[in-house]
């Protein structure tokens, strides 16, 4: 899985849209305070990276291409609300939350797209959207001194940070509950870096 840098330099163009027609304000347009209830969001997904003034939102975090992803800039005028409509500080935005975002102004065409958020709504308060269950096989890879990873039936490779010693067996079929760790980096750079919550043989 690719890891996207939030501050990538790209040319400035108007991107046709991640959301439905009419869901994105025109360049220079000031977003209406009621946009979170009156308009389709520009993107809805999981926050997979968090910087002081920017968040990365991915519709499907495990997809390296094909699904909507947006590097979203937060400004002093960005309105952040809970699902209930209560206004909160942008500090409440955390990795793993599911959110909806409404873009304001021009959008930089790239992958992920880059835009400024007029409003962000936290759909799930708990940061649990980056957890999933996978079915796969333990595989040994000889990159960077060698390491064990899980090759999922979905075709993805998952690089665990805490694989128990008894599961370090090439070819061992397993079922695991994992947490995606977008806040960490691995020297192997092979597959998504994950933390194992539960794992068992199958």
C-alpha atoms as a PDB file:
ATOM      1  CA  UNK A   1       0.000   0.000   0.000  1.00  0.00           C
ATOM      2  CA  UNK A   2       1.298   3.406  -0.919  1.00  0.00           C
ATOM      3  CA  UNK A   3       1.909   6.039   1.715  1.00  0.00           C
ATOM      4  CA  UNK A   4       1.013   9.524   0.547  1.00  0.00           C
ATOM      5  CA  UNK A   5       2.867  12.646   1.629  1.00  0.00           C
ATOM      6  CA  UNK A   6       0.474  15.337   2.747  1.00  0.00           C
ATOM      7  CA  UNK A   7       2.432  18.236   1.347  1.00  0.00           C
ATOM      8  CA  UNK A   8       3.121  17.018  -2.201  1.00  0.00           C
ATOM      9  CA  UNK A   9       3.726  19.802  -4.730  1.00  0.00           C
ATOM     10  CA  UNK A  10       1.295  19.738  -7.639  1.00  0.00           C
ATOM     11  CA  UNK A  11      -0.155  22.036 -10.293  1.00  0.00           C
ATOM     12  CA  UNK A  12      -3.262  24.018  -9.366  1.00  0.00           C
ATOM     13  CA  UNK A  13      -6.349  23.055 -11.351  1.00  0.00           C
ATOM     14  CA  UNK A  14     -10.006  22.640 -10.626  1.00  0.00           C
ATOM     15  CA  UNK A  15     -10.727  18.966  -9.989  1.00  0.00           C
ATOM     16  CA  UNK A  16     -14.076  17.718 -11.254  1.00  0.00           C
ATOM     17  CA  UNK A  17     -15.063  16.111  -7.997  1.00  0.00           C
ATOM     18  CA  UNK A  18     -14.995  13.284  -5.462  1.00  0.00           C
ATOM     19  CA  UNK A  19     -18.582  13.887  -4.368  1.00  0.00           C
ATOM     20  CA  UNK A  20     -21.782  14.271  -6.323  1.00  0.00           C
ATOM     21  CA  UNK A  21     -22.559  17.077  -8.785  1.00  0.00           C
ATOM     22  CA  UNK A  22     -22.849  20.440  -7.087  1.00  0.00           C
ATOM     23  CA  UNK A  23     -21.334  19.162  -3.848  1.00  0.00           C
ATOM     24  CA  UNK A  24     -18.243  21.359  -4.054  1.00  0.00           C
ATOM     25  CA  UNK A  25     -18.381  25.166  -3.690  1.00  0.00           C
ATOM     26  CA  UNK A  26     -17.046  27.312  -6.533  1.00  0.00           C
ATOM     27  CA  UNK A  27     -13.540  28.831  -6.202  1.00  0.00           C
ATOM     28  CA  UNK A  28     -13.641  31.803  -3.855  1.00  0.00           C
ATOM     29  CA  UNK A  29     -17.100  30.860  -2.598  1.00  0.00           C
ATOM     30  CA  UNK A  30     -17.511  31.070   1.179  1.00  0.00           C
ATOM     31  CA  UNK A  31     -19.071  27.890   2.466  1.00  0.00           C
ATOM     32  CA  UNK A  32     -22.479  28.152   4.106  1.00  0.00           C
ATOM     33  CA  UNK A  33     -22.650  27.223   7.791  1.00  0.00           C
ATOM     34  CA  UNK A  34     -25.498  24.820   7.019  1.00  0.00           C
ATOM     35  CA  UNK A  35     -23.550  22.928   4.351  1.00  0.00           C
ATOM     36  CA  UNK A  36     -23.207  19.880   6.624  1.00  0.00           C
ATOM     37  CA  UNK A  37     -26.964  19.340   6.418  1.00  0.00           C
ATOM     38  CA  UNK A  38     -27.802  20.740   2.991  1.00  0.00           C
ATOM     39  CA  UNK A  39     -25.094  19.488   0.614  1.00  0.00           C
ATOM     40  CA  UNK A  40     -23.441  16.189  -0.312  1.00  0.00           C
ATOM     41  CA  UNK A  41     -19.889  16.034   1.170  1.00  0.00           C
ATOM     42  CA  UNK A  42     -16.912  16.370  -1.159  1.00  0.00           C
ATOM     43  CA  UNK A  43     -15.438  13.230   0.419  1.00  0.00           C
ATOM     44  CA  UNK A  44     -16.311  10.782   3.160  1.00  0.00           C
ATOM     45  CA  UNK A  45     -13.776   8.376   4.618  1.00  0.00           C
ATOM     46  CA  UNK A  46     -11.262   7.567   7.330  1.00  0.00           C
ATOM     47  CA  UNK A  47      -8.639   9.972   8.659  1.00  0.00           C
ATOM     48  CA  UNK A  48      -5.398   8.067   8.087  1.00  0.00           C
ATOM     49  CA  UNK A  49      -2.881  10.854   8.767  1.00  0.00           C
ATOM     50  CA  UNK A  50      -3.022  13.915  11.006  1.00  0.00           C
ATOM     51  CA  UNK A  51      -0.782  16.986  10.942  1.00  0.00           C
ATOM     52  CA  UNK A  52      -1.305  20.285  12.831  1.00  0.00           C
ATOM     53  CA  UNK A  53      -3.087  21.945   9.903  1.00  0.00           C
ATOM     54  CA  UNK A  54      -3.925  19.048   7.588  1.00  0.00           C
ATOM     55  CA  UNK A  55      -5.618  15.645   7.553  1.00  0.00           C
ATOM     56  CA  UNK A  56      -5.552  12.831   4.987  1.00  0.00           C
ATOM     57  CA  UNK A  57      -8.985  11.330   4.330  1.00  0.00           C
ATOM     58  CA  UNK A  58      -9.224   8.007   2.484  1.00  0.00           C
ATOM     59  CA  UNK A  59     -12.454   6.415   1.333  1.00  0.00           C
ATOM     60  CA  UNK A  60     -10.755   2.980   1.252  1.00  0.00           C
ATOM     61  CA  UNK A  61      -7.451   3.134   3.214  1.00  0.00           C
ATOM     62  CA  UNK A  62      -6.136  -0.147   1.803  1.00  0.00           C
ATOM     63  CA  UNK A  63      -6.582   0.907  -1.831  1.00  0.00           C
ATOM     64  CA  UNK A  64      -3.400   2.256  -3.411  1.00  0.00           C
ATOM     65  CA  UNK A  65      -5.461   3.662  -6.292  1.00  0.00           C
ATOM     66  CA  UNK A  66      -9.019   3.884  -7.538  1.00  0.00           C
ATOM     67  CA  UNK A  67     -10.848   5.167  -4.447  1.00  0.00           C
ATOM     68  CA  UNK A  68     -11.227   8.750  -3.269  1.00  0.00           C
ATOM     69  CA  UNK A  69      -8.405  10.213  -1.171  1.00  0.00           C
ATOM     70  CA  UNK A  70      -7.895  13.829  -0.148  1.00  0.00           C
ATOM     71  CA  UNK A  71      -5.216  15.786   1.684  1.00  0.00           C
ATOM     72  CA  UNK A  72      -7.369  18.382   3.410  1.00  0.00           C
ATOM     73  CA  UNK A  73      -6.075  21.673   4.812  1.00  0.00           C
ATOM     74  CA  UNK A  74      -7.646  23.000   8.006  1.00  0.00           C
ATOM     75  CA  UNK A  75      -7.866  26.766   8.486  1.00  0.00           C
ATOM     76  CA  UNK A  76      -9.152  29.081  11.210  1.00  0.00           C
ATOM     77  CA  UNK A  77     -12.451  29.298   9.357  1.00  0.00           C
ATOM     78  CA  UNK A  78     -12.888  25.517   8.955  1.00  0.00           C
ATOM     79  CA  UNK A  79     -16.038  24.467  10.781  1.00  0.00           C
ATOM     80  CA  UNK A  80     -15.649  21.143  12.651  1.00  0.00           C
ATOM     81  CA  UNK A  81     -18.769  19.519  14.096  1.00  0.00           C
ATOM     82  CA  UNK A  82     -19.843  16.241  15.631  1.00  0.00           C
ATOM     83  CA  UNK A  83     -22.590  14.138  14.050  1.00  0.00           C
ATOM     84  CA  UNK A  84     -24.988  15.815  16.500  1.00  0.00           C
ATOM     85  CA  UNK A  85     -24.144  19.217  15.007  1.00  0.00           C
ATOM     86  CA  UNK A  86     -22.175  20.414  18.045  1.00  0.00           C
ATOM     87  CA  UNK A  87     -19.222  22.597  17.036  1.00  0.00           C
ATOM     88  CA  UNK A  88     -15.851  21.342  18.326  1.00  0.00           C
ATOM     89  CA  UNK A  89     -12.193  22.343  18.115  1.00  0.00           C
ATOM     90  CA  UNK A  90     -10.196  20.898  15.165  1.00  0.00           C
ATOM     91  CA  UNK A  91      -8.035  19.079  17.746  1.00  0.00           C
ATOM     92  CA  UNK A  92     -10.929  16.611  18.046  1.00  0.00           C
ATOM     93  CA  UNK A  93     -10.057  15.252  14.593  1.00  0.00           C
ATOM     94  CA  UNK A  94      -8.049  12.052  15.107  1.00  0.00           C
ATOM     95  CA  UNK A  95      -6.588   9.232  13.023  1.00  0.00           C
ATOM     96  CA  UNK A  96      -9.103   6.413  12.611  1.00  0.00           C
ATOM     97  CA  UNK A  97     -12.253   8.533  12.757  1.00  0.00           C
ATOM     98  CA  UNK A  98     -14.751   8.405   9.936  1.00  0.00           C
ATOM     99  CA  UNK A  99     -15.492  11.921   8.715  1.00  0.00           C
ATOM    100  CA  UNK A 100     -17.258  13.838   5.971  1.00  0.00           C
ATOM    101  CA  UNK A 101     -15.584  16.931   4.518  1.00  0.00           C
ATOM    102  CA  UNK A 102     -16.822  19.791   2.364  1.00  0.00           C
ATOM    103  CA  UNK A 103     -14.182  21.508   0.237  1.00  0.00           C
ATOM    104  CA  UNK A 104     -14.020  25.288  -0.133  1.00  0.00           C
ATOM    105  CA  UNK A 105     -12.321  27.027  -3.043  1.00  0.00           C
ATOM    106  CA  UNK A 106     -10.029  25.510  -5.679  1.00  0.00           C
ATOM    107  CA  UNK A 107      -8.858  21.907  -5.526  1.00  0.00           C
ATOM    108  CA  UNK A 108      -5.398  20.719  -6.606  1.00  0.00           C
ATOM    109  CA  UNK A 109      -5.594  17.738  -8.913  1.00  0.00           C
ATOM    110  CA  UNK A 110      -3.276  15.010  -7.658  1.00  0.00           C
ATOM    111  CA  UNK A 111      -3.666  11.668  -5.961  1.00  0.00           C
ATOM    112  CA  UNK A 112      -4.718  12.275  -3.301  1.00  0.00           C
ATOM    113  CA  UNK A 113      -6.384  15.552  -4.255  1.00  0.00           C
ATOM    114  CA  UNK A 114      -5.495  18.585  -2.131  1.00  0.00           C
ATOM    115  CA  UNK A 115      -8.132  20.985  -0.901  1.00  0.00           C
ATOM    116  CA  UNK A 116      -9.147  23.337   1.899  1.00  0.00           C
ATOM    117  CA  UNK A 117     -11.953  22.224   4.199  1.00  0.00           C
ATOM    118  CA  UNK A 118     -14.841  24.601   4.692  1.00  0.00           C
ATOM    119  CA  UNK A 119     -16.423  22.093   7.053  1.00  0.00           C
ATOM    120  CA  UNK A 120     -15.662  18.669   8.526  1.00  0.00           C
ATOM    121  CA  UNK A 121     -18.192  16.474  10.332  1.00  0.00           C
ATOM    122  CA  UNK A 122     -17.023  13.678  12.641  1.00  0.00           C
ATOM    123  CA  UNK A 123     -19.248  10.706  11.828  1.00  0.00           C
ATOM    124  CA  UNK A 124     -17.725   8.284  14.345  1.00  0.00           C
ATOM    125  CA  UNK A 125     -16.383   9.738  17.581  1.00  0.00           C
ATOM    126  CA  UNK A 126     -14.113   6.798  18.404  1.00  0.00           C
ATOM    127  CA  UNK A 127     -11.008   6.290  16.306  1.00  0.00           C
ATOM    128  CA  UNK A 128     -11.868   2.730  15.363  1.00  0.00           C
ATOM    129  CA  UNK A 129     -12.309   3.011  11.624  1.00  0.00           C
ATOM    130  CA  UNK A 130      -8.777   1.747  10.965  1.00  0.00           C
ATOM    131  CA  UNK A 131      -9.474  -1.737  12.372  1.00  0.00           C
ATOM    132  CA  UNK A 132     -10.316  -4.752  10.235  1.00  0.00           C
ATOM    133  CA  UNK A 133     -10.215  -8.544  10.136  1.00  0.00           C
ATOM    134  CA  UNK A 134      -8.090 -10.336   7.555  1.00  0.00           C
ATOM    135  CA  UNK A 135      -7.741 -13.954   6.428  1.00  0.00           C
ATOM    136  CA  UNK A 136      -4.382 -14.950   4.986  1.00  0.00           C
ATOM    137  CA  UNK A 137      -1.114 -16.841   5.194  1.00  0.00           C
ATOM    138  CA  UNK A 138       2.128 -15.983   7.002  1.00  0.00           C
ATOM    139  CA  UNK A 139       4.920 -15.365   4.486  1.00  0.00           C
ATOM    140  CA  UNK A 140       8.650 -14.812   4.972  1.00  0.00           C
ATOM    141  CA  UNK A 141      10.255 -12.048   2.905  1.00  0.00           C
ATOM    142  CA  UNK A 142      14.013 -11.623   2.572  1.00  0.00           C
ATOM    143  CA  UNK A 143      13.975  -7.828   2.176  1.00  0.00           C
ATOM    144  CA  UNK A 144      16.005  -5.686   4.608  1.00  0.00           C
ATOM    145  CA  UNK A 145      17.337  -8.640   6.622  1.00  0.00           C
ATOM    146  CA  UNK A 146      14.144 -10.669   6.398  1.00  0.00           C
ATOM    147  CA  UNK A 147      10.718 -10.331   8.024  1.00  0.00           C
ATOM    148  CA  UNK A 148       7.371 -12.115   8.342  1.00  0.00           C
ATOM    149  CA  UNK A 149       4.158 -10.634   6.975  1.00  0.00           C
ATOM    150  CA  UNK A 150       0.595 -11.745   6.330  1.00  0.00           C
ATOM    151  CA  UNK A 151      -0.428 -12.244   2.725  1.00  0.00           C
ATOM    152  CA  UNK A 152      -4.183 -11.682   2.734  1.00  0.00           C
ATOM    153  CA  UNK A 153      -6.738 -13.488   0.606  1.00  0.00           C
ATOM    154  CA  UNK A 154      -7.616 -10.020  -0.698  1.00  0.00           C
ATOM    155  CA  UNK A 155      -4.199  -9.868  -2.390  1.00  0.00           C
ATOM    156  CA  UNK A 156      -2.766  -7.291   0.037  1.00  0.00           C
ATOM    157  CA  UNK A 157       0.381  -7.744   2.146  1.00  0.00           C
ATOM    158  CA  UNK A 158       0.144  -6.724   5.818  1.00  0.00           C
ATOM    159  CA  UNK A 159       3.383  -6.039   7.702  1.00  0.00           C
ATOM    160  CA  UNK A 160       2.715  -6.578  11.436  1.00  0.00           C
ATOM    161  CA  UNK A 161       4.682  -4.679  14.079  1.00  0.00           C
ATOM    162  CA  UNK A 162       3.988  -7.274  16.787  1.00  0.00           C
ATOM    163  CA  UNK A 163       3.672 -10.740  15.240  1.00  0.00           C
ATOM    164  CA  UNK A 164       4.028 -13.323  18.058  1.00  0.00           C
ATOM    165  CA  UNK A 165       6.996 -15.708  17.755  1.00  0.00           C
ATOM    166  CA  UNK A 166       4.761 -18.782  17.525  1.00  0.00           C
ATOM    167  CA  UNK A 167       3.206 -17.375  14.322  1.00  0.00           C
ATOM    168  CA  UNK A 168       6.550 -16.788  12.575  1.00  0.00           C
ATOM    169  CA  UNK A 169       6.072 -19.791  10.297  1.00  0.00           C
ATOM    170  CA  UNK A 170       6.116 -19.457   6.508  1.00  0.00           C
ATOM    171  CA  UNK A 171       2.896 -20.845   5.030  1.00  0.00           C
ATOM    172  CA  UNK A 172       0.884 -20.772   8.273  1.00  0.00           C
ATOM    173  CA  UNK A 173      -2.792 -19.926   7.564  1.00  0.00           C
ATOM    174  CA  UNK A 174      -4.214 -17.368  10.004  1.00  0.00           C
ATOM    175  CA  UNK A 175      -7.130 -15.107  10.806  1.00  0.00           C
ATOM    176  CA  UNK A 176      -6.205 -11.791  12.416  1.00  0.00           C
ATOM    177  CA  UNK A 177      -7.868  -8.647  13.695  1.00  0.00           C
ATOM    178  CA  UNK A 178      -5.555  -5.761  12.897  1.00  0.00           C
ATOM    179  CA  UNK A 179      -5.234  -2.011  13.285  1.00  0.00           C
ATOM    180  CA  UNK A 180      -3.740   0.002  10.434  1.00  0.00           C
ATOM    181  CA  UNK A 181      -0.765   2.069  11.650  1.00  0.00           C
ATOM    182  CA  UNK A 182      -0.508   5.061   9.322  1.00  0.00           C
ATOM    183  CA  UNK A 183       1.313   6.921  12.095  1.00  0.00           C
ATOM    184  CA  UNK A 184       4.346   4.610  11.843  1.00  0.00           C
ATOM    185  CA  UNK A 185       6.925   3.793   9.169  1.00  0.00           C
ATOM    186  CA  UNK A 186       8.777   0.568   8.381  1.00  0.00           C
ATOM    187  CA  UNK A 187      12.201   0.107   6.782  1.00  0.00           C
ATOM    188  CA  UNK A 188      10.818  -2.764   4.687  1.00  0.00           C
ATOM    189  CA  UNK A 189       8.153  -0.630   2.963  1.00  0.00           C
ATOM    190  CA  UNK A 190       6.384  -3.829   1.928  1.00  0.00           C
ATOM    191  CA  UNK A 191       2.650  -3.772   2.465  1.00  0.00           C
ATOM    192  CA  UNK A 192       0.507  -1.898   4.951  1.00  0.00           C
ATOM    193  CA  UNK A 193       2.051  -1.520   8.408  1.00  0.00           C
ATOM    194  CA  UNK A 194      -0.368  -2.978  10.969  1.00  0.00           C
ATOM    195  CA  UNK A 195      -0.685  -3.800  14.661  1.00  0.00           C
ATOM    196  CA  UNK A 196      -2.161  -7.185  15.535  1.00  0.00           C
ATOM    197  CA  UNK A 197      -5.027  -7.043  18.037  1.00  0.00           C
ATOM    198  CA  UNK A 198      -5.917 -10.742  17.837  1.00  0.00           C
ATOM    199  CA  UNK A 199      -4.538 -13.607  15.747  1.00  0.00           C
ATOM    200  CA  UNK A 200      -5.276 -17.324  15.493  1.00  0.00           C
ATOM    201  CA  UNK A 201      -4.521 -20.301  13.262  1.00  0.00           C
ATOM    202  CA  UNK A 202      -7.198 -21.447  10.867  1.00  0.00           C
END
